[in-house]
Protein backbone atom coordinates (compact mmCIF):
# COMPACT_ATOMS: atom_id res chain seq x y z
CA MET A 1 125.33 76.67 139.87
CA SER A 2 127.56 78.95 141.85
CA GLN A 3 127.96 78.45 145.61
CA PRO A 4 126.17 81.00 147.77
CA GLY A 5 128.48 83.20 149.57
CA PRO A 6 128.06 84.99 153.01
CA SER A 7 127.51 88.61 153.33
CA TRP A 8 127.60 91.34 156.01
CA ASP A 9 123.76 90.85 156.42
CA LEU A 10 123.56 88.17 159.29
CA VAL A 11 119.80 87.83 158.88
CA ALA A 12 120.15 87.09 155.12
CA ASP A 13 122.95 84.62 155.78
CA VAL A 14 120.86 82.78 158.41
CA GLN A 15 118.05 82.55 155.90
CA LEU A 16 120.33 81.17 153.26
CA LEU A 17 121.58 78.45 155.79
CA LEU A 18 118.04 77.43 156.79
CA GLN A 19 116.43 77.46 153.30
CA PHE A 20 116.86 73.68 152.79
CA HIS A 21 115.46 70.85 154.77
CA PHE A 22 118.76 69.07 155.05
CA MET A 23 120.35 72.02 156.83
CA HIS A 24 117.50 71.99 159.32
CA ASN A 25 118.39 68.42 160.05
CA ALA A 26 122.07 69.28 160.14
CA PHE A 27 121.74 72.15 162.70
CA GLY A 28 119.21 70.21 164.79
CA ALA A 29 121.44 67.17 165.00
CA ALA A 30 124.50 69.15 165.53
CA THR A 31 122.99 71.13 168.40
CA LEU A 32 122.21 67.99 170.13
CA VAL A 33 125.40 66.33 169.55
CA ALA A 34 127.32 69.54 170.77
CA LEU A 35 125.27 69.64 174.00
CA LEU A 36 126.11 66.02 174.91
CA ALA A 37 129.58 66.13 173.65
CA GLY A 38 130.46 69.28 175.33
CA ALA A 39 128.92 67.98 178.63
CA ALA A 40 130.69 64.57 178.45
CA GLY A 41 133.89 66.07 177.18
CA TYR A 42 134.42 68.09 180.39
CA PHE A 43 134.32 64.88 182.41
CA VAL A 44 136.67 63.14 179.79
CA VAL A 45 139.39 65.93 180.32
CA LEU A 46 138.80 66.00 184.00
CA ARG A 47 139.17 62.42 184.52
CA GLY A 48 142.16 62.12 182.12
CA GLN A 49 140.21 59.53 179.79
CA SER A 50 141.09 61.04 176.55
CA PHE A 51 142.59 57.70 175.52
CA ALA A 52 139.30 55.99 176.36
CA ALA A 53 137.33 58.46 174.21
CA HIS A 54 139.83 57.84 171.27
CA MET A 55 139.39 54.10 171.58
CA LEU A 56 135.63 54.46 171.61
CA SER A 57 135.73 56.70 168.53
CA GLN A 58 137.75 53.94 166.74
CA VAL A 59 135.34 51.25 167.95
CA GLY A 60 132.58 53.02 165.99
CA PHE A 61 134.20 52.00 162.63
CA PRO A 62 133.76 48.33 163.12
CA GLY A 63 130.42 48.93 164.56
CA ALA A 64 129.23 50.87 161.48
CA ALA A 65 130.82 48.26 159.11
CA GLY A 66 129.16 45.39 161.00
CA ALA A 67 125.67 47.07 160.86
CA VAL A 68 126.16 47.73 157.03
CA LEU A 69 127.17 44.06 156.74
CA VAL A 70 123.94 42.92 158.28
CA HIS A 71 121.79 45.53 156.52
CA VAL A 72 120.83 47.72 159.50
CA ALA A 73 121.35 51.37 160.04
CA PRO A 74 124.93 52.00 160.84
CA VAL A 75 124.23 54.37 163.76
CA PHE A 76 122.78 51.15 165.73
CA GLY A 77 126.13 49.38 165.11
CA LEU A 78 127.93 52.39 166.43
CA ILE A 79 125.91 52.54 169.57
CA VAL A 80 126.10 48.68 170.27
CA PHE A 81 129.87 48.55 169.84
CA CYS A 82 130.62 51.67 171.76
CA VAL A 83 128.48 50.70 174.72
CA VAL A 84 129.96 47.25 174.76
CA ALA A 85 133.53 48.66 174.65
CA ALA A 86 132.66 51.12 177.50
CA LEU A 87 131.38 48.39 179.61
CA GLY A 88 134.69 46.40 178.83
CA ILE A 89 136.62 49.30 180.13
CA GLY A 90 134.44 49.75 183.23
CA TRP A 91 134.68 45.98 184.03
CA VAL A 92 138.46 46.31 184.26
CA GLY A 93 138.10 49.41 186.22
CA ARG A 94 140.66 51.64 187.91
CA THR A 95 142.43 50.51 191.04
CA VAL A 96 144.11 52.76 193.62
CA ASP A 97 147.33 50.84 193.25
CA ALA A 98 147.60 50.65 189.51
CA GLY A 99 146.19 53.97 188.69
CA HIS A 100 145.38 54.35 185.06
CA ARG A 101 147.57 51.33 184.04
CA ALA A 102 144.83 48.88 184.17
CA GLU A 103 142.51 50.93 182.15
CA SER A 104 145.10 51.85 179.42
CA ALA A 105 145.88 48.13 178.93
CA ALA A 106 142.27 47.32 178.55
CA VAL A 107 141.64 50.28 176.22
CA ALA A 108 144.64 49.23 174.08
CA SER A 109 143.44 45.52 173.82
CA ILE A 110 139.87 46.35 172.88
CA LEU A 111 141.20 48.93 170.36
CA ALA A 112 143.33 46.40 168.62
CA PHE A 113 140.58 43.82 168.62
CA SER A 114 137.93 46.30 167.42
CA LEU A 115 140.14 47.49 164.47
CA GLY A 116 140.65 43.94 163.39
CA LEU A 117 136.89 43.30 163.40
CA GLY A 118 136.52 46.39 161.40
CA LEU A 119 138.96 45.17 158.77
CA LEU A 120 137.10 41.72 158.76
CA PHE A 121 133.63 43.37 158.39
CA PHE A 122 135.02 45.63 155.52
CA ARG A 123 136.46 42.77 153.52
CA LEU A 124 133.31 40.83 153.86
CA TYR A 125 130.95 43.57 152.72
CA ALA A 126 130.40 43.37 148.95
CA GLY A 127 128.61 46.71 148.42
CA SER A 128 129.90 50.15 148.11
CA ALA A 129 132.21 51.40 150.84
CA ALA A 130 130.94 54.94 150.70
CA GLY A 131 128.65 54.43 153.67
CA ILE A 132 131.53 53.05 155.61
CA TYR A 133 133.92 55.73 154.79
CA SER A 134 131.32 58.48 155.59
CA PHE A 135 131.63 57.30 159.23
CA LEU A 136 135.32 58.05 159.14
CA PHE A 137 134.89 61.76 158.23
CA GLY A 138 131.21 62.50 159.15
CA THR A 139 128.02 63.14 157.05
CA ILE A 140 126.13 65.64 158.87
CA LEU A 141 124.87 67.47 155.85
CA GLY A 142 123.36 64.04 154.72
CA ILE A 143 121.61 63.28 158.11
CA SER A 144 117.95 62.00 157.79
CA ASP A 145 114.82 62.90 159.89
CA ARG A 146 115.12 59.50 161.61
CA ASP A 147 118.69 60.09 162.49
CA VAL A 148 117.68 63.51 164.07
CA GLN A 149 115.04 61.71 166.22
CA LEU A 150 117.40 58.98 167.36
CA THR A 151 120.03 61.68 168.14
CA PHE A 152 117.46 63.59 170.12
CA VAL A 153 116.62 60.42 172.28
CA VAL A 154 120.27 59.57 172.85
CA ALA A 155 121.21 63.14 173.68
CA LEU A 156 118.34 63.59 176.05
CA LEU A 157 119.27 60.31 177.86
CA GLY A 158 123.01 61.25 178.09
CA VAL A 159 122.48 64.83 179.37
CA ALA A 160 119.80 63.55 181.85
CA ALA A 161 122.19 60.87 183.08
CA LEU A 162 125.11 63.44 183.59
CA ALA A 163 122.74 65.80 185.48
CA ILE A 164 121.78 63.07 187.98
CA PHE A 165 125.08 61.89 188.88
CA GLY A 166 127.38 64.64 187.54
CA ARG A 167 128.21 66.09 191.02
CA GLN A 168 129.11 62.66 192.40
CA LEU A 169 131.19 62.07 189.39
CA VAL A 170 133.22 65.13 189.92
CA PHE A 171 133.66 64.10 193.69
CA ALA A 172 134.82 60.60 192.58
CA THR A 173 137.19 62.09 190.22
CA VAL A 174 138.99 64.65 192.35
CA ASP A 175 139.19 62.32 195.31
CA PRO A 176 137.90 58.78 194.73
CA ASP A 177 139.09 57.55 198.11
CA VAL A 178 137.21 60.02 200.19
CA ALA A 179 134.19 59.83 197.83
CA GLU A 180 134.16 56.03 198.31
CA ALA A 181 134.42 56.53 202.14
CA ARG A 182 131.59 58.86 201.96
CA GLY A 183 129.21 56.23 200.35
CA VAL A 184 129.74 57.24 196.74
CA ARG A 185 129.72 54.10 194.47
CA VAL A 186 132.88 55.21 192.47
CA ARG A 187 133.08 52.01 190.37
CA ARG A 188 129.35 51.96 189.41
CA ILE A 189 129.43 55.87 188.61
CA SER A 190 132.56 55.36 186.50
CA ILE A 191 131.01 52.70 184.45
CA ALA A 192 127.77 54.79 183.93
CA PHE A 193 129.87 57.68 182.76
CA LEU A 194 131.66 55.41 180.22
CA VAL A 195 128.29 54.33 178.93
CA VAL A 196 127.25 58.06 178.49
CA LEU A 197 130.50 58.69 176.80
CA ALA A 198 129.83 55.78 174.36
CA LEU A 199 126.59 57.25 173.46
CA ALA A 200 128.04 60.69 173.02
CA VAL A 201 130.77 59.19 170.68
CA ALA A 202 128.14 57.21 168.66
CA ILE A 203 126.02 60.27 167.82
CA THR A 204 128.99 62.61 167.43
CA VAL A 205 130.44 60.49 164.70
CA GLN A 206 127.67 61.50 162.48
CA ILE A 207 129.24 65.26 162.58
CA VAL A 208 132.99 64.87 162.47
CA GLY A 209 133.44 61.10 162.07
CA THR A 210 135.45 58.65 163.92
CA LEU A 211 138.88 60.11 162.87
CA LEU A 212 138.06 63.69 164.09
CA ILE A 213 136.06 63.02 167.34
CA PHE A 214 138.29 64.91 169.61
CA ALA A 215 137.06 68.16 168.00
CA LEU A 216 134.01 67.93 170.08
CA LEU A 217 134.85 65.63 173.02
CA VAL A 218 138.16 67.04 174.02
CA ALA A 219 139.07 70.53 172.62
CA PRO A 220 136.10 72.58 174.01
CA ALA A 221 136.50 70.95 177.48
CA ALA A 222 140.31 71.58 177.43
CA SER A 223 139.84 75.09 176.65
CA ALA A 224 137.11 75.58 179.28
CA LEU A 225 139.39 74.18 181.89
CA GLN A 226 142.16 76.49 180.84
CA LEU A 227 139.93 79.33 181.55
CA THR A 228 138.25 78.34 184.92
CA ALA A 229 138.66 75.66 187.42
CA ARG A 230 135.18 75.88 188.85
CA PRO A 231 133.14 72.75 187.78
CA ALA A 232 129.90 74.57 186.91
CA ARG A 233 131.54 77.21 184.87
CA ALA A 234 133.90 75.06 183.19
CA LEU A 235 130.95 72.66 182.33
CA ALA A 236 128.78 75.51 180.89
CA LEU A 237 131.84 77.03 179.02
CA SER A 238 132.65 73.70 177.43
CA ILE A 239 129.03 73.25 176.03
CA VAL A 240 128.97 76.87 174.93
CA LEU A 241 132.38 76.35 173.00
CA SER A 242 131.13 73.11 171.59
CA LEU A 243 128.02 74.74 170.21
CA ALA A 244 129.86 77.66 168.89
CA PHE A 245 132.46 75.40 167.04
CA THR A 246 129.69 73.19 165.59
CA TRP A 247 127.43 76.03 164.43
CA LEU A 248 130.25 78.14 162.88
CA GLY A 249 131.76 74.99 161.34
CA LEU A 250 128.36 74.15 159.78
CA ALA A 251 127.90 77.69 158.36
CA LEU A 252 131.55 77.82 157.01
CA ALA A 253 131.02 74.37 155.36
CA TYR A 254 127.85 75.29 153.74
CA PHE A 255 129.16 78.58 152.23
CA SER A 256 132.54 77.20 151.05
CA ASN A 257 131.63 73.46 150.14
CA LEU A 258 134.48 72.15 152.34
CA PRO A 259 134.31 69.35 154.83
CA VAL A 260 132.37 70.22 158.11
CA GLY A 261 134.85 68.24 160.20
CA PHE A 262 137.82 70.43 158.93
CA PHE A 263 136.24 73.51 160.05
CA ILE A 264 135.19 72.20 163.54
CA THR A 265 138.58 70.68 164.30
CA SER A 266 140.30 73.80 163.02
CA LEU A 267 138.23 76.19 165.12
CA ALA A 268 138.55 74.08 168.18
CA PHE A 269 142.36 73.79 167.88
CA ALA A 270 142.80 77.48 167.08
CA VAL A 271 140.84 78.49 170.11
CA TYR A 272 142.79 76.04 172.44
CA VAL A 273 146.06 77.27 170.98
CA ALA A 274 145.07 80.90 171.34
CA ILE A 275 144.06 80.37 175.03
CA ARG A 276 147.34 78.52 175.85
CA ALA A 277 149.38 81.23 174.11
CA VAL A 278 147.64 84.06 176.00
CA LYS A 279 148.05 82.19 179.38
CA GLY A 280 151.62 81.58 178.74
CA ALA A 281 152.35 85.16 177.84
CA LEU A 282 150.60 86.36 180.91
CA ALA A 283 152.49 83.90 183.06
CA LEU A 284 155.85 85.04 181.53
CA ARG A 285 155.00 88.71 182.09
CA THR A 286 153.94 87.96 185.75
CA GLY A 287 157.22 85.94 186.30
CA LYS A 288 159.26 88.84 184.97
CA GLN A 289 157.42 91.34 187.29
CA HIS A 290 158.25 89.14 190.20
CA ILE A 291 161.87 88.88 189.19
CA ARG A 292 162.16 92.60 188.86
CA ARG A 293 160.52 93.15 192.25
CA ALA A 294 162.89 90.60 193.98
CA TRP A 295 165.79 92.24 192.27
CA SER A 296 164.75 95.73 193.54
CA ALA A 297 164.17 94.41 197.02
CA ALA A 298 167.66 92.77 196.97
CA LYS A 299 169.24 96.07 195.75
CA ALA A 300 167.44 98.05 198.51
C-alpha cells in the first residue's frame, strides 16, 4: 500500500492524521510530554543543568532494561531509575564555594554506574532486544492506552509541581544566596525540581528516546531564552515551541514513514540555529552602525 501524502487541504490532512487510534494515542501522549518537557526544560537551561538532564536520559536505558528483565512495563523502570538518580544528584547538591563542580562529579559518577548496569541487564535478558532498543530511539507511534493514562498522571503531577514552586525556583536560580536569606529552602526546591525533571525525562523517552532527549528538554527552552529574558514569556514560549516541534514532527513522520525523533530534533535544531543566526546578524549590524557613528563623530 502506498503511503498517504500531505496536501494543501489542511482539514483533510488532519483527518488523515487522526483516522487511526494509534495516532490518537500518539498525539495525546505527545501533547502531554511536550507540555511537561517544555516547562521543565526552561528551568534546565536557566539553571545550567543540561548535563544533569543528559545523565537522567541515559539512566533511562538501564531502567527500561531492568524492567524488561523482571517482566514489568519498561516505563516503570524508567521512572524509578530516573527518580533515584535525581535524588542522588540532589543529595550531593550545589555548594556556594564549589559551584557546579560537586554536582558535575555526582552526575558523571551516576552516569558511569548506570551505563554499567544497563550493559549487565542487557546481557542477562534472554529475550528479544527490540523492546529495549525502542527506548533508545522512541516508540511514540506504538504507545498504548495504558501508557497514555500513565503519561497523563505524570505530566499532571509535574506541571502542578512546577506551578507551585516555579517562582521560588527562579528566585533560587538567579540569586540563591538572597533567596536563602529570604527564607526560600533552596536545597529542598532544587531536589524537588530534579525529581520533576526525572519524571519529564521518563515520559519524554517514549517519544524521542534516551539518545534524543535534548530535542524537547533543551532546544525549545534554549530558543525561547534567546528571544526573551522575561521568565513568564520565556516559559510560555518554551512550551509553545515544544508543542510545535512535537506536533509537526509527528505529522511529518506519519506522511513520510521516517523516525519521529529525527524530525523533532531537526526542527528544534533548525529553529535554534536560525534564531542565533538572526540575532548574530542583527548584533553585527548594530555594531557596524555604532562604529560608523563614532567615526563620524570623531571626524566632526
